[in-house]
N, C-alpha and C. Protein backbone atom coordinates (compact mmCIF):
# COMPACT_ATOMS: atom_id res chain seq x y z
N MET A 1 -4.67 60.80 -43.66
CA MET A 1 -4.23 61.03 -42.28
C MET A 1 -5.24 61.89 -41.55
N ARG A 2 -5.60 61.48 -40.32
CA ARG A 2 -6.57 62.22 -39.55
C ARG A 2 -5.88 63.28 -38.70
N TYR A 3 -6.51 64.42 -38.56
CA TYR A 3 -6.02 65.49 -37.70
C TYR A 3 -7.15 65.94 -36.78
N ILE A 4 -6.79 66.36 -35.59
CA ILE A 4 -7.77 66.91 -34.65
C ILE A 4 -7.96 68.36 -35.01
N SER A 5 -9.10 68.68 -35.59
CA SER A 5 -9.30 69.99 -36.19
C SER A 5 -9.63 71.07 -35.18
N CYS A 6 -9.49 72.32 -35.64
CA CYS A 6 -9.85 73.46 -34.81
C CYS A 6 -11.33 73.42 -34.48
N ALA A 7 -12.14 73.01 -35.46
CA ALA A 7 -13.58 72.95 -35.23
C ALA A 7 -13.92 71.94 -34.14
N ALA A 8 -13.20 70.79 -34.14
CA ALA A 8 -13.45 69.79 -33.11
C ALA A 8 -13.11 70.32 -31.74
N LEU A 9 -12.02 71.07 -31.64
CA LEU A 9 -11.64 71.66 -30.36
C LEU A 9 -12.67 72.69 -29.94
N ALA A 10 -13.20 73.43 -30.89
CA ALA A 10 -14.21 74.44 -30.55
C ALA A 10 -15.46 73.80 -29.97
N LEU A 11 -15.77 72.58 -30.43
CA LEU A 11 -16.97 71.90 -29.94
C LEU A 11 -16.89 71.56 -28.47
N VAL A 12 -15.66 71.39 -27.94
CA VAL A 12 -15.51 71.09 -26.51
C VAL A 12 -15.16 72.34 -25.73
N GLY A 13 -15.40 73.50 -26.33
CA GLY A 13 -15.27 74.75 -25.61
C GLY A 13 -13.86 75.29 -25.53
N LEU A 14 -12.98 74.86 -26.45
CA LEU A 14 -11.60 75.33 -26.40
C LEU A 14 -11.33 76.46 -27.38
N GLY A 15 -12.34 76.96 -28.02
CA GLY A 15 -12.20 78.19 -28.80
C GLY A 15 -11.56 78.04 -30.15
N GLY A 16 -11.34 76.83 -30.62
CA GLY A 16 -10.77 76.68 -31.95
C GLY A 16 -9.29 76.99 -31.97
N CYS A 17 -8.79 77.43 -33.13
CA CYS A 17 -7.36 77.61 -33.31
C CYS A 17 -6.87 78.95 -32.79
N ALA A 18 -5.54 79.08 -32.81
CA ALA A 18 -4.91 80.28 -32.27
C ALA A 18 -5.25 81.50 -33.11
N ASN A 19 -5.25 82.67 -32.45
CA ASN A 19 -5.52 83.90 -33.17
C ASN A 19 -4.26 84.75 -33.21
N ARG A 20 -4.39 86.01 -33.58
CA ARG A 20 -3.20 86.82 -33.82
C ARG A 20 -2.59 87.41 -32.55
N ASP A 21 -3.33 87.44 -31.46
CA ASP A 21 -2.79 87.94 -30.20
C ASP A 21 -1.83 86.89 -29.64
N PRO A 22 -0.54 87.24 -29.43
CA PRO A 22 0.42 86.22 -29.00
C PRO A 22 0.02 85.49 -27.73
N GLN A 23 -0.45 86.22 -26.72
CA GLN A 23 -0.80 85.56 -25.47
C GLN A 23 -2.01 84.65 -25.64
N LEU A 24 -3.04 85.16 -26.34
CA LEU A 24 -4.22 84.33 -26.58
C LEU A 24 -3.87 83.13 -27.44
N SER A 25 -2.97 83.32 -28.41
CA SER A 25 -2.56 82.21 -29.27
C SER A 25 -1.85 81.15 -28.45
N LEU A 26 -0.94 81.56 -27.56
CA LEU A 26 -0.21 80.61 -26.74
C LEU A 26 -1.15 79.87 -25.80
N ASP A 27 -2.07 80.59 -25.17
CA ASP A 27 -3.04 79.95 -24.29
C ASP A 27 -3.90 78.96 -25.06
N SER A 28 -4.32 79.36 -26.27
CA SER A 28 -5.14 78.49 -27.10
C SER A 28 -4.38 77.21 -27.47
N LEU A 29 -3.11 77.36 -27.84
CA LEU A 29 -2.31 76.20 -28.21
C LEU A 29 -2.13 75.25 -27.02
N ARG A 30 -1.92 75.82 -25.85
CA ARG A 30 -1.76 74.98 -24.67
C ARG A 30 -3.04 74.21 -24.36
N ARG A 31 -4.19 74.88 -24.51
CA ARG A 31 -5.46 74.19 -24.29
C ARG A 31 -5.69 73.11 -25.34
N GLN A 32 -5.29 73.41 -26.59
CA GLN A 32 -5.41 72.41 -27.64
C GLN A 32 -4.53 71.20 -27.33
N LEU A 33 -3.32 71.45 -26.83
CA LEU A 33 -2.42 70.35 -26.48
C LEU A 33 -3.01 69.52 -25.35
N ASP A 34 -3.61 70.18 -24.35
CA ASP A 34 -4.27 69.44 -23.27
C ASP A 34 -5.38 68.55 -23.83
N ALA A 35 -6.17 69.09 -24.77
CA ALA A 35 -7.27 68.33 -25.35
C ALA A 35 -6.76 67.15 -26.17
N VAL A 36 -5.69 67.37 -26.95
CA VAL A 36 -5.12 66.30 -27.76
C VAL A 36 -4.56 65.20 -26.85
N GLU A 37 -3.84 65.59 -25.79
CA GLU A 37 -3.28 64.60 -24.88
C GLU A 37 -4.39 63.81 -24.18
N PHE A 38 -5.49 64.50 -23.85
CA PHE A 38 -6.63 63.81 -23.24
C PHE A 38 -7.23 62.81 -24.23
N TYR A 39 -7.43 63.26 -25.49
CA TYR A 39 -8.01 62.40 -26.51
C TYR A 39 -7.12 61.19 -26.78
N CYS A 40 -5.81 61.40 -26.78
CA CYS A 40 -4.87 60.35 -27.20
C CYS A 40 -4.40 59.46 -26.05
N ALA A 41 -4.76 59.79 -24.82
CA ALA A 41 -4.28 59.00 -23.69
C ALA A 41 -4.69 57.54 -23.85
N ARG A 42 -3.73 56.65 -23.64
CA ARG A 42 -3.93 55.20 -23.69
C ARG A 42 -4.32 54.69 -25.07
N LYS A 43 -4.12 55.50 -26.11
CA LYS A 43 -4.38 55.04 -27.47
C LYS A 43 -3.07 54.58 -28.11
N ASP A 44 -3.13 53.49 -28.86
CA ASP A 44 -1.98 52.93 -29.54
C ASP A 44 -1.59 53.83 -30.71
N PRO A 45 -0.37 54.42 -30.71
CA PRO A 45 0.02 55.31 -31.81
C PRO A 45 0.09 54.60 -33.16
N GLY A 46 0.21 53.27 -33.13
CA GLY A 46 0.20 52.54 -34.39
C GLY A 46 -1.16 52.56 -35.06
N ILE A 47 -2.21 52.66 -34.24
CA ILE A 47 -3.59 52.71 -34.75
C ILE A 47 -4.05 54.15 -34.90
N PHE A 48 -3.53 55.04 -34.05
CA PHE A 48 -3.89 56.45 -34.08
C PHE A 48 -2.64 57.29 -34.36
N PRO A 49 -2.09 57.21 -35.58
CA PRO A 49 -0.85 57.95 -35.88
C PRO A 49 -1.01 59.45 -35.78
N GLU A 50 -2.26 59.95 -35.84
CA GLU A 50 -2.46 61.39 -35.73
C GLU A 50 -2.11 61.90 -34.34
N CYS A 51 -2.09 61.01 -33.35
CA CYS A 51 -1.81 61.45 -31.98
C CYS A 51 -0.39 62.00 -31.83
N PRO A 52 0.65 61.22 -32.13
CA PRO A 52 2.00 61.80 -32.01
C PRO A 52 2.25 62.95 -33.00
N ILE A 53 1.61 62.90 -34.17
CA ILE A 53 1.81 63.97 -35.16
C ILE A 53 1.26 65.28 -34.62
N ASN A 54 0.03 65.25 -34.12
CA ASN A 54 -0.58 66.47 -33.58
C ASN A 54 0.13 66.95 -32.33
N THR A 55 0.52 66.02 -31.47
CA THR A 55 1.22 66.40 -30.24
C THR A 55 2.54 67.09 -30.56
N ASP A 56 3.34 66.50 -31.45
CA ASP A 56 4.63 67.08 -31.82
C ASP A 56 4.44 68.45 -32.47
N SER A 57 3.43 68.57 -33.34
CA SER A 57 3.19 69.84 -34.02
C SER A 57 2.82 70.94 -33.03
N LEU A 58 1.92 70.63 -32.11
CA LEU A 58 1.49 71.63 -31.12
C LEU A 58 2.64 72.01 -30.19
N GLN A 59 3.43 71.03 -29.78
CA GLN A 59 4.56 71.33 -28.90
C GLN A 59 5.56 72.25 -29.61
N ALA A 60 5.80 72.01 -30.91
CA ALA A 60 6.72 72.86 -31.66
C ALA A 60 6.17 74.28 -31.78
N ARG A 61 4.88 74.41 -32.02
CA ARG A 61 4.27 75.75 -32.12
C ARG A 61 4.30 76.47 -30.78
N ILE A 62 4.08 75.73 -29.71
CA ILE A 62 4.15 76.35 -28.38
C ILE A 62 5.55 76.86 -28.10
N ARG A 63 6.56 76.07 -28.44
CA ARG A 63 7.94 76.51 -28.22
C ARG A 63 8.25 77.77 -29.01
N SER A 64 7.72 77.85 -30.24
CA SER A 64 7.99 79.04 -31.05
C SER A 64 7.31 80.27 -30.46
N TYR A 65 6.11 80.11 -29.92
CA TYR A 65 5.41 81.24 -29.30
C TYR A 65 6.07 81.65 -28.00
N GLU A 66 6.58 80.67 -27.25
CA GLU A 66 7.21 80.98 -25.97
C GLU A 66 8.47 81.81 -26.14
N ALA A 67 9.05 81.76 -27.34
CA ALA A 67 10.25 82.55 -27.60
C ALA A 67 9.93 84.00 -27.92
N LEU A 68 8.64 84.32 -28.14
CA LEU A 68 8.24 85.68 -28.48
C LEU A 68 7.98 86.51 -27.21
N PRO A 69 8.25 87.82 -27.26
CA PRO A 69 7.86 88.67 -26.13
C PRO A 69 6.33 88.75 -26.07
N VAL A 70 5.78 88.48 -24.88
CA VAL A 70 4.33 88.42 -24.73
C VAL A 70 3.86 89.51 -23.78
N PRO A 71 2.91 90.34 -24.22
CA PRO A 71 2.37 91.37 -23.33
C PRO A 71 1.55 90.71 -22.22
N PRO A 72 1.40 91.35 -21.09
CA PRO A 72 0.60 90.77 -20.01
C PRO A 72 -0.85 90.61 -20.44
N PRO A 73 -1.50 89.53 -20.01
CA PRO A 73 -2.90 89.31 -20.41
C PRO A 73 -3.83 90.34 -19.80
N VAL A 74 -4.91 90.63 -20.50
CA VAL A 74 -5.91 91.55 -19.99
C VAL A 74 -6.74 90.81 -18.94
N PRO A 75 -6.78 91.28 -17.71
CA PRO A 75 -7.52 90.55 -16.67
C PRO A 75 -9.03 90.57 -16.93
N LEU A 76 -9.69 89.51 -16.50
CA LEU A 76 -11.13 89.43 -16.63
C LEU A 76 -11.79 90.33 -15.60
N THR A 77 -12.95 90.83 -15.95
CA THR A 77 -13.71 91.59 -14.98
C THR A 77 -14.36 90.62 -13.99
N ALA A 78 -14.81 91.13 -12.86
CA ALA A 78 -15.46 90.28 -11.86
C ALA A 78 -16.72 89.64 -12.44
N ASP A 79 -17.43 90.38 -13.29
CA ASP A 79 -18.64 89.85 -13.90
C ASP A 79 -18.31 88.71 -14.86
N GLU A 80 -17.24 88.86 -15.62
CA GLU A 80 -16.83 87.80 -16.55
C GLU A 80 -16.42 86.54 -15.79
N GLU A 81 -15.67 86.71 -14.71
CA GLU A 81 -15.26 85.56 -13.91
C GLU A 81 -16.48 84.85 -13.32
N THR A 82 -17.44 85.63 -12.85
CA THR A 82 -18.65 85.05 -12.26
C THR A 82 -19.42 84.22 -13.28
N LYS A 83 -19.52 84.71 -14.51
CA LYS A 83 -20.24 83.99 -15.56
C LYS A 83 -19.54 82.69 -15.92
N ILE A 84 -18.19 82.72 -15.96
CA ILE A 84 -17.44 81.49 -16.28
C ILE A 84 -17.66 80.44 -15.20
N ILE A 85 -17.57 80.85 -13.95
CA ILE A 85 -17.74 79.92 -12.83
C ILE A 85 -19.16 79.39 -12.77
N GLU A 86 -20.14 80.25 -12.98
CA GLU A 86 -21.54 79.85 -12.91
C GLU A 86 -21.87 78.80 -13.96
N ARG A 87 -21.21 78.87 -15.12
CA ARG A 87 -21.47 77.89 -16.18
C ARG A 87 -21.14 76.47 -15.69
N SER A 88 -20.07 76.31 -14.94
CA SER A 88 -19.73 74.98 -14.43
C SER A 88 -20.74 74.52 -13.39
N TYR A 89 -21.23 75.43 -12.56
CA TYR A 89 -22.25 75.06 -11.58
C TYR A 89 -23.55 74.67 -12.26
N ARG A 90 -23.83 75.29 -13.41
CA ARG A 90 -25.04 74.92 -14.15
C ARG A 90 -24.97 73.47 -14.61
N TYR A 91 -23.78 73.04 -15.06
CA TYR A 91 -23.61 71.63 -15.43
C TYR A 91 -23.83 70.73 -14.22
N ASP A 92 -23.32 71.15 -13.04
CA ASP A 92 -23.50 70.34 -11.83
C ASP A 92 -24.98 70.17 -11.51
N ARG A 93 -25.75 71.25 -11.60
CA ARG A 93 -27.17 71.17 -11.30
C ARG A 93 -27.90 70.26 -12.29
N GLU A 94 -27.54 70.38 -13.56
CA GLU A 94 -28.19 69.55 -14.58
C GLU A 94 -27.92 68.07 -14.34
N TRP A 95 -26.67 67.72 -14.00
CA TRP A 95 -26.34 66.32 -13.80
C TRP A 95 -26.85 65.81 -12.46
N GLY A 96 -26.99 66.70 -11.47
CA GLY A 96 -27.61 66.28 -10.24
C GLY A 96 -29.06 65.90 -10.47
N ALA A 97 -29.76 66.70 -11.28
CA ALA A 97 -31.15 66.40 -11.61
C ALA A 97 -31.25 65.11 -12.42
N LYS A 98 -30.33 64.91 -13.36
CA LYS A 98 -30.34 63.67 -14.13
C LYS A 98 -30.09 62.47 -13.23
N GLY A 99 -29.16 62.63 -12.29
CA GLY A 99 -28.87 61.53 -11.38
C GLY A 99 -30.06 61.15 -10.54
N VAL A 100 -30.82 62.13 -10.11
CA VAL A 100 -32.01 61.87 -9.29
C VAL A 100 -33.08 61.16 -10.10
N SER A 101 -33.26 61.56 -11.35
CA SER A 101 -34.32 60.97 -12.18
C SER A 101 -33.91 59.66 -12.84
N GLY A 102 -32.60 59.40 -12.91
CA GLY A 102 -32.13 58.17 -13.53
C GLY A 102 -32.36 56.96 -12.64
N ARG A 103 -32.11 55.78 -13.21
CA ARG A 103 -32.30 54.55 -12.43
C ARG A 103 -31.30 53.49 -12.89
N ALA A 104 -30.40 53.13 -12.00
CA ALA A 104 -29.45 52.06 -12.30
C ALA A 104 -30.13 50.71 -12.07
N PRO A 105 -30.08 49.79 -13.03
CA PRO A 105 -30.73 48.49 -12.83
C PRO A 105 -29.99 47.65 -11.79
N ARG A 106 -30.60 46.56 -11.38
CA ARG A 106 -30.00 45.72 -10.36
C ARG A 106 -28.64 45.20 -10.82
N GLU A 107 -28.53 44.78 -12.07
CA GLU A 107 -27.27 44.26 -12.59
C GLU A 107 -26.55 45.35 -13.41
N TYR A 108 -26.35 46.49 -12.78
CA TYR A 108 -25.71 47.61 -13.48
C TYR A 108 -24.27 47.33 -13.87
N ASP A 109 -23.64 46.39 -13.16
CA ASP A 109 -22.22 46.12 -13.43
C ASP A 109 -22.00 45.54 -14.82
N ARG A 110 -22.96 44.83 -15.37
CA ARG A 110 -22.76 44.15 -16.65
C ARG A 110 -22.60 45.13 -17.81
N PRO A 111 -23.51 46.10 -18.01
CA PRO A 111 -23.29 47.04 -19.12
C PRO A 111 -22.07 47.93 -18.92
N ILE A 112 -21.79 48.32 -17.67
CA ILE A 112 -20.61 49.17 -17.43
C ILE A 112 -19.35 48.40 -17.77
N THR A 113 -19.25 47.15 -17.31
CA THR A 113 -18.07 46.33 -17.59
C THR A 113 -17.90 46.13 -19.09
N PHE A 114 -19.00 45.90 -19.80
CA PHE A 114 -18.93 45.70 -21.25
C PHE A 114 -18.38 46.95 -21.95
N VAL A 115 -18.90 48.13 -21.59
CA VAL A 115 -18.47 49.37 -22.24
C VAL A 115 -17.00 49.66 -21.93
N LEU A 116 -16.59 49.51 -20.68
CA LEU A 116 -15.21 49.81 -20.31
C LEU A 116 -14.24 48.80 -20.93
N THR A 117 -14.64 47.55 -21.00
CA THR A 117 -13.78 46.54 -21.63
C THR A 117 -13.65 46.81 -23.13
N SER A 118 -14.75 47.16 -23.78
CA SER A 118 -14.71 47.49 -25.21
C SER A 118 -13.81 48.68 -25.46
N GLY A 119 -13.89 49.71 -24.59
CA GLY A 119 -13.04 50.88 -24.74
C GLY A 119 -11.57 50.54 -24.58
N ALA A 120 -11.25 49.69 -23.61
CA ALA A 120 -9.86 49.29 -23.40
C ALA A 120 -9.32 48.52 -24.60
N LEU A 121 -10.12 47.64 -25.16
CA LEU A 121 -9.70 46.87 -26.33
C LEU A 121 -9.58 47.75 -27.57
N PHE A 122 -10.40 48.79 -27.66
CA PHE A 122 -10.31 49.72 -28.79
C PHE A 122 -9.00 50.50 -28.72
N ARG A 123 -8.63 50.94 -27.50
CA ARG A 123 -7.39 51.71 -27.34
C ARG A 123 -6.17 50.83 -27.49
N ILE A 124 -6.22 49.62 -26.90
CA ILE A 124 -5.06 48.72 -26.91
C ILE A 124 -5.57 47.33 -27.31
N PRO A 125 -5.61 47.05 -28.62
CA PRO A 125 -6.18 45.77 -29.08
C PRO A 125 -5.48 44.54 -28.51
N SER A 126 -4.22 44.67 -28.13
CA SER A 126 -3.47 43.51 -27.65
C SER A 126 -3.73 43.19 -26.18
N ILE A 127 -4.51 44.00 -25.48
CA ILE A 127 -4.71 43.82 -24.05
C ILE A 127 -5.51 42.54 -23.78
N ASP A 128 -5.20 41.87 -22.69
CA ASP A 128 -5.92 40.68 -22.28
C ASP A 128 -7.17 41.11 -21.50
N PRO A 129 -8.36 40.86 -22.05
CA PRO A 129 -9.59 41.30 -21.35
C PRO A 129 -9.69 40.74 -19.94
N ASP A 130 -9.13 39.54 -19.72
CA ASP A 130 -9.21 38.93 -18.39
C ASP A 130 -8.35 39.65 -17.37
N SER A 131 -7.45 40.52 -17.85
CA SER A 131 -6.59 41.25 -16.91
C SER A 131 -7.27 42.50 -16.36
N LEU A 132 -8.41 42.86 -16.93
CA LEU A 132 -9.11 44.06 -16.48
C LEU A 132 -9.82 43.80 -15.15
N GLN A 133 -9.72 44.76 -14.25
CA GLN A 133 -10.37 44.66 -12.95
C GLN A 133 -11.31 45.85 -12.77
N PHE A 134 -12.47 45.60 -12.16
CA PHE A 134 -13.46 46.66 -11.96
C PHE A 134 -13.96 46.62 -10.52
N TRP A 135 -14.13 47.81 -9.96
CA TRP A 135 -14.71 47.94 -8.62
C TRP A 135 -15.83 48.98 -8.69
N PHE A 136 -16.94 48.69 -8.04
CA PHE A 136 -18.06 49.62 -8.00
C PHE A 136 -18.14 50.17 -6.58
N LEU A 137 -17.89 51.47 -6.47
CA LEU A 137 -17.60 52.08 -5.17
C LEU A 137 -18.78 52.76 -4.51
N SER A 138 -19.62 53.43 -5.27
CA SER A 138 -20.72 54.18 -4.65
C SER A 138 -21.84 54.42 -5.65
N ASN A 139 -22.99 54.82 -5.09
CA ASN A 139 -24.19 55.09 -5.87
C ASN A 139 -24.81 56.39 -5.33
N PRO A 140 -24.15 57.55 -5.62
CA PRO A 140 -24.56 58.81 -5.00
C PRO A 140 -25.95 59.29 -5.39
N TYR A 141 -26.40 58.90 -6.58
CA TYR A 141 -27.76 59.20 -7.04
C TYR A 141 -28.35 57.91 -7.61
N PRO A 142 -29.67 57.80 -7.69
CA PRO A 142 -30.27 56.58 -8.24
C PRO A 142 -29.75 56.21 -9.63
N GLY A 143 -29.37 57.22 -10.42
CA GLY A 143 -28.95 56.94 -11.79
C GLY A 143 -27.45 57.02 -12.03
N ILE A 144 -26.64 57.18 -10.98
CA ILE A 144 -25.20 57.34 -11.17
C ILE A 144 -24.43 56.32 -10.32
N ILE A 145 -23.51 55.62 -10.97
CA ILE A 145 -22.65 54.65 -10.32
C ILE A 145 -21.21 55.13 -10.44
N CYS A 146 -20.48 55.10 -9.34
CA CYS A 146 -19.07 55.49 -9.33
C CYS A 146 -18.21 54.25 -9.09
N GLY A 147 -17.09 54.18 -9.78
CA GLY A 147 -16.22 53.02 -9.60
C GLY A 147 -14.82 53.27 -10.08
N SER A 148 -14.05 52.22 -10.20
CA SER A 148 -12.67 52.32 -10.70
C SER A 148 -12.33 51.07 -11.49
N GLU A 149 -11.35 51.19 -12.35
CA GLU A 149 -10.90 50.07 -13.17
C GLU A 149 -9.38 50.04 -13.17
N ASN A 150 -8.85 48.87 -13.47
CA ASN A 150 -7.40 48.73 -13.55
C ASN A 150 -7.06 47.73 -14.63
N GLN A 151 -5.88 47.89 -15.21
CA GLN A 151 -5.42 46.98 -16.25
C GLN A 151 -3.90 46.88 -16.18
N THR A 152 -3.37 45.82 -16.71
CA THR A 152 -1.92 45.64 -16.68
C THR A 152 -1.27 46.46 -17.78
N ASN A 153 -0.02 46.88 -17.52
CA ASN A 153 0.74 47.60 -18.53
C ASN A 153 1.49 46.61 -19.41
N ALA A 154 2.41 47.13 -20.23
CA ALA A 154 3.14 46.29 -21.17
C ALA A 154 4.00 45.24 -20.46
N PHE A 155 4.31 45.46 -19.18
CA PHE A 155 5.14 44.53 -18.42
C PHE A 155 4.30 43.56 -17.58
N GLY A 156 2.98 43.61 -17.77
CA GLY A 156 2.12 42.72 -17.01
C GLY A 156 1.89 43.15 -15.58
N ILE A 157 2.20 44.41 -15.26
CA ILE A 157 2.05 44.93 -13.91
C ILE A 157 0.85 45.87 -13.86
N TYR A 158 0.06 45.76 -12.80
CA TYR A 158 -1.10 46.64 -12.67
C TYR A 158 -0.66 48.05 -12.31
N ALA A 159 -1.19 49.01 -13.03
CA ALA A 159 -0.89 50.42 -12.78
C ALA A 159 -1.88 50.95 -11.74
N ASP A 160 -1.85 52.26 -11.53
CA ASP A 160 -2.81 52.86 -10.60
C ASP A 160 -4.22 52.77 -11.20
N PRO A 161 -5.22 52.46 -10.39
CA PRO A 161 -6.60 52.38 -10.91
C PRO A 161 -7.07 53.71 -11.48
N THR A 162 -7.97 53.64 -12.44
CA THR A 162 -8.61 54.82 -13.03
C THR A 162 -10.06 54.86 -12.59
N ARG A 163 -10.51 56.00 -12.09
CA ARG A 163 -11.89 56.14 -11.65
C ARG A 163 -12.82 56.36 -12.84
N PHE A 164 -14.10 56.06 -12.66
CA PHE A 164 -15.08 56.32 -13.70
C PHE A 164 -16.41 56.68 -13.06
N ALA A 165 -17.28 57.30 -13.87
CA ALA A 165 -18.64 57.63 -13.47
C ALA A 165 -19.58 57.16 -14.57
N ALA A 166 -20.64 56.47 -14.19
CA ALA A 166 -21.59 55.94 -15.17
C ALA A 166 -22.99 56.47 -14.86
N TYR A 167 -23.70 56.86 -15.91
CA TYR A 167 -25.06 57.40 -15.75
C TYR A 167 -26.05 56.51 -16.48
N PHE A 168 -27.15 56.16 -15.78
CA PHE A 168 -28.24 55.39 -16.35
C PHE A 168 -29.47 56.28 -16.49
N SER A 169 -30.15 56.18 -17.61
CA SER A 169 -31.34 56.98 -17.89
C SER A 169 -32.50 56.55 -16.99
N PRO A 170 -33.60 57.32 -16.98
CA PRO A 170 -34.78 56.90 -16.20
C PRO A 170 -35.31 55.52 -16.59
N GLY A 171 -35.03 55.12 -17.83
CA GLY A 171 -35.45 53.79 -18.27
C GLY A 171 -34.48 52.69 -17.91
N GLY A 172 -33.41 53.02 -17.21
CA GLY A 172 -32.45 52.01 -16.79
C GLY A 172 -31.40 51.65 -17.83
N LYS A 173 -31.27 52.46 -18.87
CA LYS A 173 -30.27 52.20 -19.91
C LYS A 173 -28.98 52.98 -19.61
N LEU A 174 -27.84 52.33 -19.82
CA LEU A 174 -26.56 53.01 -19.64
C LEU A 174 -26.42 54.06 -20.73
N ALA A 175 -26.40 55.34 -20.34
CA ALA A 175 -26.38 56.43 -21.31
C ALA A 175 -25.03 57.10 -21.42
N LYS A 176 -24.18 57.02 -20.39
CA LYS A 176 -22.89 57.69 -20.46
C LYS A 176 -21.93 57.07 -19.45
N VAL A 177 -20.68 56.88 -19.88
CA VAL A 177 -19.60 56.49 -18.99
C VAL A 177 -18.48 57.50 -19.18
N ALA A 178 -18.08 58.14 -18.10
CA ALA A 178 -17.01 59.14 -18.17
C ALA A 178 -15.82 58.65 -17.35
N GLU A 179 -14.66 58.62 -17.97
CA GLU A 179 -13.44 58.23 -17.27
C GLU A 179 -12.32 59.15 -17.71
N PRO A 180 -11.55 59.68 -16.77
CA PRO A 180 -10.46 60.59 -17.16
C PRO A 180 -9.28 59.84 -17.75
N ALA A 181 -8.48 60.56 -18.51
CA ALA A 181 -7.24 59.98 -19.01
C ALA A 181 -6.28 59.78 -17.84
N GLN A 182 -5.33 58.88 -18.02
CA GLN A 182 -4.34 58.64 -16.98
C GLN A 182 -3.39 59.83 -16.91
N MET A 183 -3.47 60.58 -15.84
CA MET A 183 -2.61 61.73 -15.61
C MET A 183 -2.57 61.99 -14.12
N SER A 184 -1.69 62.86 -13.70
CA SER A 184 -1.60 63.17 -12.28
C SER A 184 -2.88 63.86 -11.81
N GLN A 185 -3.16 63.76 -10.51
CA GLN A 185 -4.34 64.42 -9.97
C GLN A 185 -4.25 65.92 -10.16
N GLU A 186 -3.05 66.46 -10.06
CA GLU A 186 -2.86 67.90 -10.25
C GLU A 186 -3.26 68.33 -11.65
N SER A 187 -2.85 67.55 -12.66
CA SER A 187 -3.22 67.87 -14.04
C SER A 187 -4.72 67.71 -14.25
N LEU A 188 -5.28 66.66 -13.67
CA LEU A 188 -6.71 66.43 -13.80
C LEU A 188 -7.51 67.58 -13.19
N ASP A 189 -7.09 68.02 -12.01
CA ASP A 189 -7.77 69.14 -11.36
C ASP A 189 -7.64 70.42 -12.18
N GLY A 190 -6.47 70.61 -12.80
CA GLY A 190 -6.26 71.81 -13.60
C GLY A 190 -7.18 71.87 -14.81
N ILE A 191 -7.51 70.71 -15.37
CA ILE A 191 -8.37 70.66 -16.56
C ILE A 191 -9.84 70.73 -16.19
N TYR A 192 -10.24 70.00 -15.13
CA TYR A 192 -11.66 69.84 -14.82
C TYR A 192 -12.14 70.57 -13.56
N ALA A 193 -11.29 70.68 -12.53
CA ALA A 193 -11.77 71.17 -11.24
C ALA A 193 -11.70 72.68 -11.09
N ASP A 194 -10.74 73.31 -11.74
CA ASP A 194 -10.58 74.76 -11.63
C ASP A 194 -11.72 75.43 -12.40
N ARG A 195 -12.73 75.89 -11.68
CA ARG A 195 -13.94 76.40 -12.33
C ARG A 195 -13.70 77.67 -13.14
N LEU A 196 -12.64 78.41 -12.81
CA LEU A 196 -12.37 79.64 -13.55
C LEU A 196 -11.44 79.41 -14.73
N ASN A 197 -10.39 78.62 -14.54
CA ASN A 197 -9.35 78.48 -15.57
C ASN A 197 -9.32 77.12 -16.26
N GLY A 198 -9.99 76.13 -15.70
CA GLY A 198 -9.96 74.79 -16.29
C GLY A 198 -10.66 74.76 -17.63
N PRO A 199 -10.01 74.29 -18.71
CA PRO A 199 -10.64 74.31 -20.04
C PRO A 199 -11.87 73.43 -20.15
N LEU A 200 -12.00 72.40 -19.29
CA LEU A 200 -13.16 71.51 -19.35
C LEU A 200 -13.91 71.49 -18.02
N ALA A 201 -13.79 72.55 -17.24
CA ALA A 201 -14.49 72.60 -15.95
C ALA A 201 -16.00 72.65 -16.14
N ALA A 202 -16.46 73.28 -17.21
CA ALA A 202 -17.89 73.33 -17.52
C ALA A 202 -18.17 72.30 -18.61
N SER A 203 -18.36 71.05 -18.19
CA SER A 203 -18.61 69.97 -19.15
C SER A 203 -19.36 68.86 -18.44
N ASP A 204 -19.96 67.97 -19.23
CA ASP A 204 -20.66 66.82 -18.67
C ASP A 204 -19.70 65.96 -17.84
N GLU A 205 -18.50 65.75 -18.38
CA GLU A 205 -17.53 64.90 -17.70
C GLU A 205 -17.14 65.50 -16.35
N ALA A 206 -16.87 66.80 -16.33
CA ALA A 206 -16.45 67.44 -15.08
C ALA A 206 -17.55 67.32 -14.03
N ALA A 207 -18.81 67.50 -14.42
CA ALA A 207 -19.91 67.39 -13.47
C ALA A 207 -20.00 65.98 -12.90
N LEU A 208 -19.85 64.96 -13.75
CA LEU A 208 -19.87 63.58 -13.27
C LEU A 208 -18.66 63.27 -12.40
N PHE A 209 -17.50 63.81 -12.77
CA PHE A 209 -16.31 63.59 -11.95
C PHE A 209 -16.49 64.20 -10.56
N ARG A 210 -17.13 65.37 -10.49
CA ARG A 210 -17.36 66.00 -9.19
C ARG A 210 -18.34 65.17 -8.36
N ILE A 211 -19.38 64.65 -8.99
CA ILE A 211 -20.36 63.84 -8.27
C ILE A 211 -19.70 62.60 -7.67
N CYS A 212 -18.79 61.99 -8.41
CA CYS A 212 -18.14 60.76 -7.96
C CYS A 212 -16.86 61.00 -7.17
N GLY A 213 -16.52 62.26 -6.90
CA GLY A 213 -15.34 62.54 -6.11
C GLY A 213 -14.03 62.32 -6.83
N ILE A 214 -14.07 62.25 -8.16
CA ILE A 214 -12.84 62.07 -8.93
C ILE A 214 -12.03 63.36 -8.92
N ILE A 215 -12.72 64.49 -8.89
CA ILE A 215 -12.09 65.80 -8.70
C ILE A 215 -12.83 66.50 -7.56
N PRO A 216 -12.22 67.52 -6.96
CA PRO A 216 -12.90 68.24 -5.88
C PRO A 216 -14.19 68.90 -6.37
N ALA A 217 -15.18 68.94 -5.49
CA ALA A 217 -16.48 69.50 -5.86
C ALA A 217 -16.60 70.98 -5.49
N SER A 218 -15.55 71.59 -5.01
CA SER A 218 -15.62 72.99 -4.57
C SER A 218 -15.85 73.92 -5.75
């Protein structure tokens, strides 16, 4: 059985597992749950049984911590807040530079469609590839393409489109496709757009989402 480990969470900047401080432990567990839900979004639990197992386990641990008396958190200093926010801006600058130096080929739609279709089939093997729809919306930098995709649900009805951002290297090769999990815009902004408190605000995905207008760029 596969589990989403503390080390894996640490790699995406979530600090690993909970520690002995009740408030920090609760915050850590909530961030881990956000990361697990992001990882498991649109994945078939029959193929990824670790998803409901990890989700249920984290939710149970969160409930147990919420029942404990929690001291007020120690506020960050102004310098600490500035460093956290600046880290996300550093990602924005790096991806802006990559976007300028990259180059999307004339037929950029073909590799993007292939990658997104493969990802959809990996998550939901029973999906009809012909039901997938793709729109290419903008080209804010020479190497970055912004678009959206849609697919039918279990009832054959199209859900709300999901936005994506694709980056092509200077050689014209598709190097990265970033697409958020299906969630409310408020939840998405809380994870990626909040430069101070968002657990993934300082990440490659967040920078690409800001470039493509998937989350606010403020």
